[in-house]
Every structure is written in C-alpha cells, then in structure tokens.
Amino acid sequence: MVLERLFPKKWTEKKLKYALLIGFVYSSIAILISVLLFGKNSGLISVVLTSLLILPLLEDLLTKEEKKEEKEKRFSFKRLFIDNKKAALTYLFLFFGIFFTYALYVFIFHLLDMNILSTFHGQLLLDFTKGGATFMFKDFGIILANNWWVLLTIFAVSLFIKDGAIFFITWNASSWGVILSYRAITSANYVTGSSIKFFLILLALSAPFLILEALAYVLVAISGNIISKDVVKKSKYIHKFILYAVIGIVAFVGIHFLIKLLGMSAWLALVLQMVVVFLVLFLLSKSFKQKKYKEVYIYNFYLFLVAVLIFVVGALLEALITQNVGILTKIYSTSLLFTLPI
C-alpha cells in the first residue's frame, strides 16, 4: 500500500517522537476515511485501518528484537530490559499517539455537531462490558479480573495470529481516548466547567494506571509476537508446540467451567487461572530443543511475567485513585448520566 510507505520503517527506531507522530497521522487518516466512507459505527473500522497501517512498521522492529535475544548467552533481568526497551517504548508511543488522536477527534466532532455516540459506538460500548477500556467504579479484584482477560487475549492473539495483537492494542488506545474525552464533554453538560479542563483532570489522574496498563498490554504483545515468529520460522517444532498449546487451552477451559460449577470466589478463580496459564507456558517451553531458541522463549516467558506484575500494580493504582479522588468521582458520576443507544 502507498500509505504504508508514508513513513520510513526506521523512523520509529531513531526517535520515539516519530512513533507518536506516526500514531497520530495513521489514526487520523483511518478515522477520516472511515467516517467519510462508512458514516455511522465507523469507530471500529477506523481501528482496523489504523492497525493495518501500523503493522509493517512493527514487523521489522520485532524481528530485530528476536535477533537480540537469540544472541544472549544467559538470562538476566538487566538484559531483558535492555533488549526490549526500544520495542516497548515504540509500542507505547504509538499507543498514546492513537489515544490522543481519538480524544482530539471526539472534541472536533463535538464542535462540528456530529453524532459522537454513533460514530464511536464501538469504543463507548466497551465502557459497559467485560474486557476493554472500562472506567466504572470497581474494587481491586474486579478491575484485576477484567484487565486479566484483556491481557490474556492480547497475548493469545499475538501468539497464534501474526502481529494480530496490534488490533486489540489499537482498540484499547482508541477506546480510552474516546471514553475519557466523551466523559469530559458529557460531564460539562451537568457541572459548570470546561470540557477541556475536565479532560485534562481525567487525564492527569488516570495517567498513572493508564500508562502501567498500556505498558503491560504492550509487553505481552511483544512477548507473544516474538515467540510466534520463532515458532513459525522453526517449522519442525510447530506440531509439538500446537499439541501442547491445545492441551493447555483445554485445561484452561476445563478449569474455567469448574470454577463456575463450584462457585469459587473471584479471587480464587483468578489465582487458579493465572497458575494454569503459567503452567501452560512452562509446558510450551518443552517444544524447543535447541538451546538458543529455548533461550528466546525463556526471555519472553519472563517478559510475560513482568507484564503481569505491572498490570497488577496498574489495577491497584486504578482502584485506589478511582475510589479515593473526589473530583474524579464527580466527573465520572455526572458523565454517566447519558444513555448509550443500542
């Protein structure tokens, strides 16, 4: 595609500000094309287009990350950080480029008297469903359980569908941008104050957990992608890998239904699910026989573990901030006075 070549692939590696710019330009193009061609309910279509435009930039970057890890002789958290720093920051800057673009277009469309509810229906609908960018008042356990499913989905998709996780990352970035900006606008209809001011307050207070949760999603996407690329390239391992993966998925589904049947508490269910996932990932390591490929897998297993720890901290911060900051509670509460059409 012509648009893929709008920016050189190496731009994102030279300066991170280019990743922010690419996120803005590509998502702007996707939003405008979607609105012009599809009108209503174009929000999710714009996410697909944005993801397709970004994909070529990420493929080259992740290939280089894989080569770095193959050269490592033994695991260390220092090398894990150094090897993945550039890819993680590039993903993160792309994420926030998309986030701010969608937030900006909500304000622009509002000024133009366009129907935001209709245009970004897909993003706004995530504010009321399991998974995705939710900002309802919840305790730590519920936030953790909700975000766990998002994290797991991104990892699974990146593992089994080449670079497919970028769609879910773009979707969450766009949803957070749309939800925060729309909440600021709707809140300003009921409380004296500027919608821009309310958005900045929401952004400042939400930033600590948004950054951590976004980073966790980015890290599991990188982890799954690099493992996937390694498996695909080494075709003689693929059958055993798929076998172990199927066994793991069946076990996970079985545990899930057992939890439902026994009526276990949300906390116990979450712990069991996490244990099963880590056991499955350990089992998958047995499909690699050559040392250098197993080393890559181990690096990315630990990267997944780091991502889980980061997302737990992010969920804890989200619970603390949303439940204890008065002005945030007021803006959130008044913004929920609108009714989302089905």
Protein backbone atom coordinates (compact mmCIF):
# COMPACT_ATOMS: atom_id res chain seq x y z
CA MET A 1 0.00 0.00 0.00
CA VAL A 2 1.11 3.57 -0.66
CA LEU A 3 0.18 4.76 2.84
CA GLU A 4 2.48 2.12 4.40
CA ARG A 5 5.41 3.98 2.86
CA LEU A 6 4.36 7.35 4.22
CA PHE A 7 7.00 6.95 6.94
CA PRO A 8 10.30 5.02 6.67
CA LYS A 9 10.37 1.90 8.88
CA LYS A 10 13.48 3.07 10.72
CA TRP A 11 11.88 6.33 11.84
CA THR A 12 10.41 4.73 14.96
CA GLU A 13 13.83 3.42 15.94
CA LYS A 14 15.69 6.72 15.52
CA LYS A 15 13.44 8.92 17.66
CA LEU A 16 10.45 7.95 19.74
CA LYS A 17 8.68 11.20 18.90
CA TYR A 18 8.27 9.79 15.38
CA ALA A 19 6.30 6.86 16.83
CA LEU A 20 3.95 9.38 18.47
CA LEU A 21 3.64 11.24 15.14
CA ILE A 22 3.01 8.01 13.20
CA GLY A 23 0.30 7.02 15.67
CA PHE A 24 -1.35 10.42 15.18
CA VAL A 25 -1.10 10.53 11.37
CA TYR A 26 -2.19 6.95 10.67
CA SER A 27 -5.11 7.01 13.11
CA SER A 28 -6.21 10.41 11.72
CA ILE A 29 -6.21 9.01 8.19
CA ALA A 30 -8.12 5.93 9.37
CA ILE A 31 -10.74 7.98 11.26
CA LEU A 32 -11.39 10.37 8.37
CA ILE A 33 -11.60 7.59 5.76
CA SER A 34 -13.93 5.55 7.98
CA VAL A 35 -16.25 8.49 8.69
CA LEU A 36 -16.39 9.55 5.02
CA LEU A 37 -16.98 6.05 3.66
CA PHE A 38 -18.97 4.37 6.40
CA GLY A 39 -20.52 7.16 8.47
CA LYS A 40 -22.24 5.62 11.49
CA ASN A 41 -20.44 2.97 13.54
CA SER A 42 -17.16 3.77 11.81
CA GLY A 43 -15.17 3.67 15.06
CA LEU A 44 -14.18 0.00 14.84
CA ILE A 45 -13.48 0.23 11.12
CA SER A 46 -11.01 3.04 11.85
CA VAL A 47 -9.29 0.74 14.39
CA VAL A 48 -8.85 -1.96 11.73
CA LEU A 49 -7.43 0.56 9.23
CA THR A 50 -5.05 2.04 11.82
CA SER A 51 -3.80 -1.43 12.74
CA LEU A 52 -3.19 -2.35 9.09
CA LEU A 53 -1.18 0.83 8.52
CA ILE A 54 0.99 0.30 11.60
CA LEU A 55 1.72 -3.41 11.03
CA PRO A 56 4.64 -3.04 8.56
CA LEU A 57 6.48 -0.74 11.00
CA LEU A 58 6.24 -3.29 13.81
CA GLU A 59 7.27 -6.36 11.83
CA ASP A 60 10.80 -5.11 11.22
CA LEU A 61 11.15 -3.89 14.81
CA LEU A 62 10.11 -7.22 16.36
CA THR A 63 12.42 -9.19 14.05
CA LYS A 64 15.35 -7.17 15.38
CA GLU A 65 14.25 -7.77 18.99
CA GLU A 66 14.19 -11.53 18.32
CA LYS A 67 17.75 -11.45 16.92
CA LYS A 68 18.98 -9.59 20.01
CA GLU A 69 17.52 -12.24 22.30
CA GLU A 70 18.98 -15.11 20.25
CA LYS A 71 22.46 -13.67 20.91
CA GLU A 72 22.04 -13.69 24.71
CA LYS A 73 24.03 -16.48 26.38
CA ARG A 74 22.10 -16.50 29.67
CA PHE A 75 19.04 -14.82 31.11
CA SER A 76 19.25 -11.65 33.20
CA PHE A 77 16.59 -9.06 34.02
CA LYS A 78 19.02 -6.34 33.04
CA ARG A 79 19.40 -7.80 29.53
CA LEU A 80 15.64 -8.37 29.37
CA PHE A 81 15.10 -4.66 29.99
CA ILE A 82 17.81 -3.52 27.56
CA ASP A 83 16.77 -5.89 24.75
CA ASN A 84 13.09 -4.92 24.87
CA LYS A 85 13.35 -1.25 25.82
CA LYS A 86 13.17 0.17 22.30
CA ALA A 87 10.32 -2.06 21.13
CA ALA A 88 8.29 -1.44 24.30
CA LEU A 89 8.71 2.34 24.12
CA THR A 90 7.90 2.38 20.40
CA TYR A 91 4.68 0.43 21.02
CA LEU A 92 3.85 2.69 23.97
CA PHE A 93 4.38 5.91 22.00
CA LEU A 94 2.28 4.53 19.14
CA PHE A 95 -0.39 3.66 21.71
CA PHE A 96 -0.54 7.17 23.12
CA GLY A 97 -0.35 8.73 19.67
CA ILE A 98 -3.55 6.81 18.87
CA PHE A 99 -5.06 7.63 22.27
CA PHE A 100 -4.64 11.40 21.89
CA THR A 101 -5.79 11.33 18.26
CA TYR A 102 -9.12 9.70 19.09
CA ALA A 103 -9.59 12.03 22.06
CA LEU A 104 -8.94 15.03 19.79
CA TYR A 105 -11.42 13.88 17.15
CA VAL A 106 -14.14 13.45 19.78
CA PHE A 107 -13.75 17.15 20.62
CA ILE A 108 -13.59 18.14 16.94
CA PHE A 109 -16.69 16.12 16.04
CA HIS A 110 -18.48 17.58 19.06
CA LEU A 111 -17.72 21.12 17.83
CA LEU A 112 -18.96 20.15 14.36
CA ASP A 113 -22.21 18.82 15.89
CA MET A 114 -21.52 15.31 14.64
CA ASN A 115 -23.07 12.32 16.41
CA ILE A 116 -20.21 11.03 18.58
CA LEU A 117 -22.32 8.24 20.08
CA SER A 118 -22.98 6.85 16.65
CA THR A 119 -19.52 7.38 15.19
CA PHE A 120 -17.63 5.86 18.12
CA HIS A 121 -20.32 3.46 19.29
CA GLY A 122 -17.89 0.52 19.39
CA GLN A 123 -15.44 2.34 21.65
CA LEU A 124 -18.10 3.74 24.00
CA LEU A 125 -19.80 0.37 24.30
CA LEU A 126 -16.62 -1.00 25.94
CA ASP A 127 -17.33 1.25 28.92
CA PHE A 128 -20.18 -1.06 29.90
CA THR A 129 -18.93 -4.55 29.06
CA LYS A 130 -16.44 -7.12 30.30
CA GLY A 131 -12.97 -6.54 28.93
CA GLY A 132 -11.50 -3.48 27.28
CA ALA A 133 -11.19 0.09 28.48
CA THR A 134 -13.56 0.21 31.43
CA PHE A 135 -13.58 3.04 33.95
CA MET A 136 -16.51 2.12 36.17
CA PHE A 137 -16.28 2.24 39.95
CA LYS A 138 -15.00 -1.20 40.90
CA ASP A 139 -12.92 -2.76 43.62
CA PHE A 140 -9.41 -4.02 43.02
CA GLY A 141 -10.47 -7.64 42.42
CA ILE A 142 -12.99 -6.76 39.71
CA ILE A 143 -10.57 -4.41 37.94
CA LEU A 144 -7.86 -7.09 38.09
CA ALA A 145 -10.17 -9.79 36.73
CA ASN A 146 -11.38 -7.53 33.90
CA ASN A 147 -7.88 -6.49 32.85
CA TRP A 148 -6.60 -10.07 33.14
CA TRP A 149 -8.91 -11.15 30.31
CA VAL A 150 -7.69 -8.26 28.14
CA LEU A 151 -4.06 -9.13 28.89
CA LEU A 152 -4.61 -12.81 28.16
CA THR A 153 -6.48 -12.07 24.92
CA ILE A 154 -3.69 -9.83 23.62
CA PHE A 155 -1.05 -12.46 24.43
CA ALA A 156 -3.04 -15.32 22.88
CA VAL A 157 -3.79 -13.37 19.70
CA SER A 158 -0.16 -12.26 19.30
CA LEU A 159 0.94 -15.87 19.84
CA PHE A 160 -1.36 -17.51 17.29
CA ILE A 161 -2.05 -14.71 14.80
CA LYS A 162 0.97 -12.91 13.39
CA ASP A 163 1.01 -9.33 14.79
CA GLY A 164 -2.74 -9.63 15.45
CA ALA A 165 -2.42 -8.10 18.92
CA ILE A 166 -1.94 -4.64 17.40
CA PHE A 167 -5.69 -4.60 16.70
CA PHE A 168 -6.54 -5.05 20.39
CA ILE A 169 -3.88 -2.55 21.47
CA THR A 170 -5.20 0.00 18.97
CA TRP A 171 -8.77 -0.77 20.08
CA ASN A 172 -7.93 -0.14 23.74
CA ALA A 173 -5.97 3.03 22.93
CA SER A 174 -8.86 4.40 20.85
CA SER A 175 -11.42 3.38 23.48
CA TRP A 176 -9.56 5.07 26.31
CA GLY A 177 -9.18 8.25 24.24
CA VAL A 178 -12.86 8.28 23.22
CA ILE A 179 -14.21 7.38 26.67
CA LEU A 180 -12.17 9.95 28.61
CA SER A 181 -12.88 12.79 26.17
CA TYR A 182 -16.57 11.94 25.89
CA ARG A 183 -16.91 11.72 29.65
CA ALA A 184 -15.35 15.18 29.94
CA ILE A 185 -17.84 16.56 27.39
CA THR A 186 -20.91 14.93 28.95
CA SER A 187 -19.83 15.91 32.46
CA ALA A 188 -19.53 19.56 31.36
CA ASN A 189 -23.24 19.44 30.44
CA TYR A 190 -24.16 18.88 34.10
CA VAL A 191 -21.35 20.60 36.01
CA THR A 192 -20.10 24.15 35.49
CA GLY A 193 -16.72 23.97 33.82
CA SER A 194 -14.86 23.48 30.55
CA SER A 195 -14.87 20.05 28.91
CA ILE A 196 -11.18 20.56 28.05
CA LYS A 197 -10.44 21.25 31.72
CA PHE A 198 -12.35 18.13 32.76
CA PHE A 199 -10.45 16.06 30.18
CA LEU A 200 -7.10 17.30 31.48
CA ILE A 201 -8.16 16.46 35.05
CA LEU A 202 -9.27 12.98 33.97
CA LEU A 203 -6.05 12.51 32.02
CA ALA A 204 -3.78 13.66 34.85
CA LEU A 205 -5.49 11.49 37.47
CA SER A 206 -5.87 8.46 35.19
CA ALA A 207 -2.35 8.64 33.71
CA PRO A 208 -0.59 6.61 36.45
CA PHE A 209 -2.68 3.48 35.89
CA LEU A 210 -3.28 4.05 32.16
CA ILE A 211 0.46 4.08 31.47
CA LEU A 212 1.07 0.93 33.53
CA GLU A 213 -1.85 -0.97 32.00
CA ALA A 214 -0.87 0.10 28.47
CA LEU A 215 2.73 -0.97 29.14
CA ALA A 216 1.52 -4.38 30.37
CA TYR A 217 -0.53 -4.87 27.17
CA VAL A 218 2.44 -3.82 25.06
CA LEU A 219 4.85 -6.22 26.80
CA VAL A 220 2.59 -9.27 26.41
CA ALA A 221 2.09 -8.36 22.74
CA ILE A 222 5.87 -8.23 22.21
CA SER A 223 6.32 -11.48 24.13
CA GLY A 224 3.67 -13.36 22.14
CA ASN A 225 4.84 -11.92 18.83
CA ILE A 226 8.47 -12.92 19.27
CA ILE A 227 7.57 -16.44 20.43
CA SER A 228 5.22 -16.74 17.45
CA LYS A 229 7.86 -15.63 14.97
CA ASP A 230 10.34 -18.08 16.44
CA VAL A 231 7.88 -20.98 16.22
CA VAL A 232 6.80 -20.18 12.65
CA LYS A 233 10.40 -19.94 11.46
CA LYS A 234 11.34 -23.25 13.10
CA SER A 235 8.67 -25.38 11.46
CA LYS A 236 9.96 -28.70 12.87
CA TYR A 237 8.78 -27.56 16.32
CA ILE A 238 5.37 -26.37 15.26
CA HIS A 239 3.45 -29.67 15.67
CA LYS A 240 4.64 -30.25 19.22
CA PHE A 241 4.04 -26.59 20.08
CA ILE A 242 0.45 -26.78 18.76
CA LEU A 243 -0.15 -30.04 20.66
CA TYR A 244 0.99 -28.56 23.96
CA ALA A 245 -0.97 -25.37 23.24
CA VAL A 246 -4.19 -27.33 22.61
CA ILE A 247 -3.67 -29.32 25.83
CA GLY A 248 -3.16 -26.06 27.69
CA ILE A 249 -6.25 -24.41 26.20
CA VAL A 250 -8.41 -27.46 27.02
CA ALA A 251 -7.08 -27.41 30.59
CA PHE A 252 -7.75 -23.70 30.92
CA VAL A 253 -11.32 -24.02 29.61
CA GLY A 254 -11.89 -27.00 31.93
CA ILE A 255 -10.67 -25.03 34.94
CA HIS A 256 -12.88 -22.10 33.92
CA PHE A 257 -16.04 -24.26 33.86
CA LEU A 258 -15.00 -25.99 37.10
CA ILE A 259 -14.69 -22.59 38.77
CA LYS A 260 -18.20 -21.69 37.56
CA LEU A 261 -19.61 -25.05 38.67
CA LEU A 262 -18.12 -24.88 42.17
CA GLY A 263 -18.99 -21.20 42.58
CA MET A 264 -15.48 -20.23 43.66
CA SER A 265 -14.73 -16.68 44.78
CA ALA A 266 -13.45 -14.23 42.15
CA TRP A 267 -10.04 -14.08 43.83
CA LEU A 268 -9.56 -17.85 43.94
CA ALA A 269 -10.76 -18.17 40.34
CA LEU A 270 -8.27 -15.53 39.19
CA VAL A 271 -5.37 -17.17 41.03
CA LEU A 272 -6.22 -20.60 39.55
CA GLN A 273 -6.45 -19.14 36.04
CA MET A 274 -3.06 -17.48 36.43
CA VAL A 275 -1.49 -20.70 37.73
CA VAL A 276 -2.90 -22.65 34.77
CA VAL A 277 -1.61 -20.06 32.28
CA PHE A 278 1.91 -20.14 33.74
CA LEU A 279 1.90 -23.95 33.75
CA VAL A 280 0.81 -23.98 30.10
CA LEU A 281 3.59 -21.55 29.19
CA PHE A 282 6.09 -23.75 31.04
CA LEU A 283 4.80 -26.79 29.16
CA LEU A 284 5.20 -24.96 25.84
CA SER A 285 8.89 -24.44 26.62
CA LYS A 286 9.33 -28.21 26.20
CA SER A 287 8.62 -27.88 22.47
CA PHE A 288 12.01 -26.16 21.99
CA LYS A 289 15.06 -28.44 21.86
CA GLN A 290 17.84 -26.18 20.59
CA LYS A 291 19.31 -24.06 23.35
CA LYS A 292 19.31 -20.70 21.57
CA TYR A 293 15.61 -20.94 20.67
CA LYS A 294 14.70 -22.11 24.14
CA GLU A 295 16.58 -19.11 25.49
CA VAL A 296 14.43 -16.77 23.39
CA TYR A 297 11.33 -18.46 24.74
CA ILE A 298 12.53 -18.14 28.36
CA TYR A 299 13.26 -14.44 27.83
CA ASN A 300 9.73 -13.89 26.60
CA PHE A 301 8.22 -16.05 29.34
CA TYR A 302 9.81 -13.71 31.87
CA LEU A 303 8.68 -10.73 29.82
CA PHE A 304 5.11 -12.03 30.16
CA LEU A 305 5.64 -12.42 33.91
CA VAL A 306 6.92 -8.82 34.20
CA ALA A 307 3.87 -7.64 32.24
CA VAL A 308 1.53 -9.43 34.67
CA LEU A 309 3.25 -7.80 37.66
CA ILE A 310 2.99 -4.37 36.02
CA PHE A 311 -0.69 -4.85 35.24
CA VAL A 312 -1.39 -5.91 38.87
CA VAL A 313 0.22 -2.68 40.10
CA GLY A 314 -1.77 -0.72 37.50
CA ALA A 315 -5.05 -2.31 38.66
CA LEU A 316 -4.19 -1.50 42.28
CA LEU A 317 -3.49 2.15 41.37
CA GLU A 318 -6.74 2.33 39.38
CA ALA A 319 -8.73 1.07 42.36
CA LEU A 320 -7.03 3.48 44.77
CA ILE A 321 -7.37 6.53 42.52
CA THR A 322 -10.93 6.00 41.26
CA GLN A 323 -12.26 5.26 44.75
CA ASN A 324 -10.46 8.00 46.68
CA VAL A 325 -10.18 11.10 44.49
CA GLY A 326 -13.29 13.26 44.93
CA ILE A 327 -13.18 15.33 41.74
CA LEU A 328 -12.57 12.23 39.64
CA THR A 329 -15.60 10.60 41.24
CA LYS A 330 -17.71 13.69 40.49
CA ILE A 331 -16.70 13.87 36.81
CA TYR A 332 -17.19 10.13 36.32
CA SER A 333 -20.59 10.16 38.03
CA THR A 334 -22.02 13.10 36.10
CA SER A 335 -20.67 11.76 32.80
CA LEU A 336 -22.67 8.56 33.29
CA LEU A 337 -25.95 10.47 33.11
CA PHE A 338 -26.04 9.98 29.33
CA THR A 339 -27.74 6.91 27.84
CA LEU A 340 -25.88 4.85 25.27
CA PRO A 341 -28.21 3.69 22.48
CA ILE A 342 -28.05 0.03 21.49
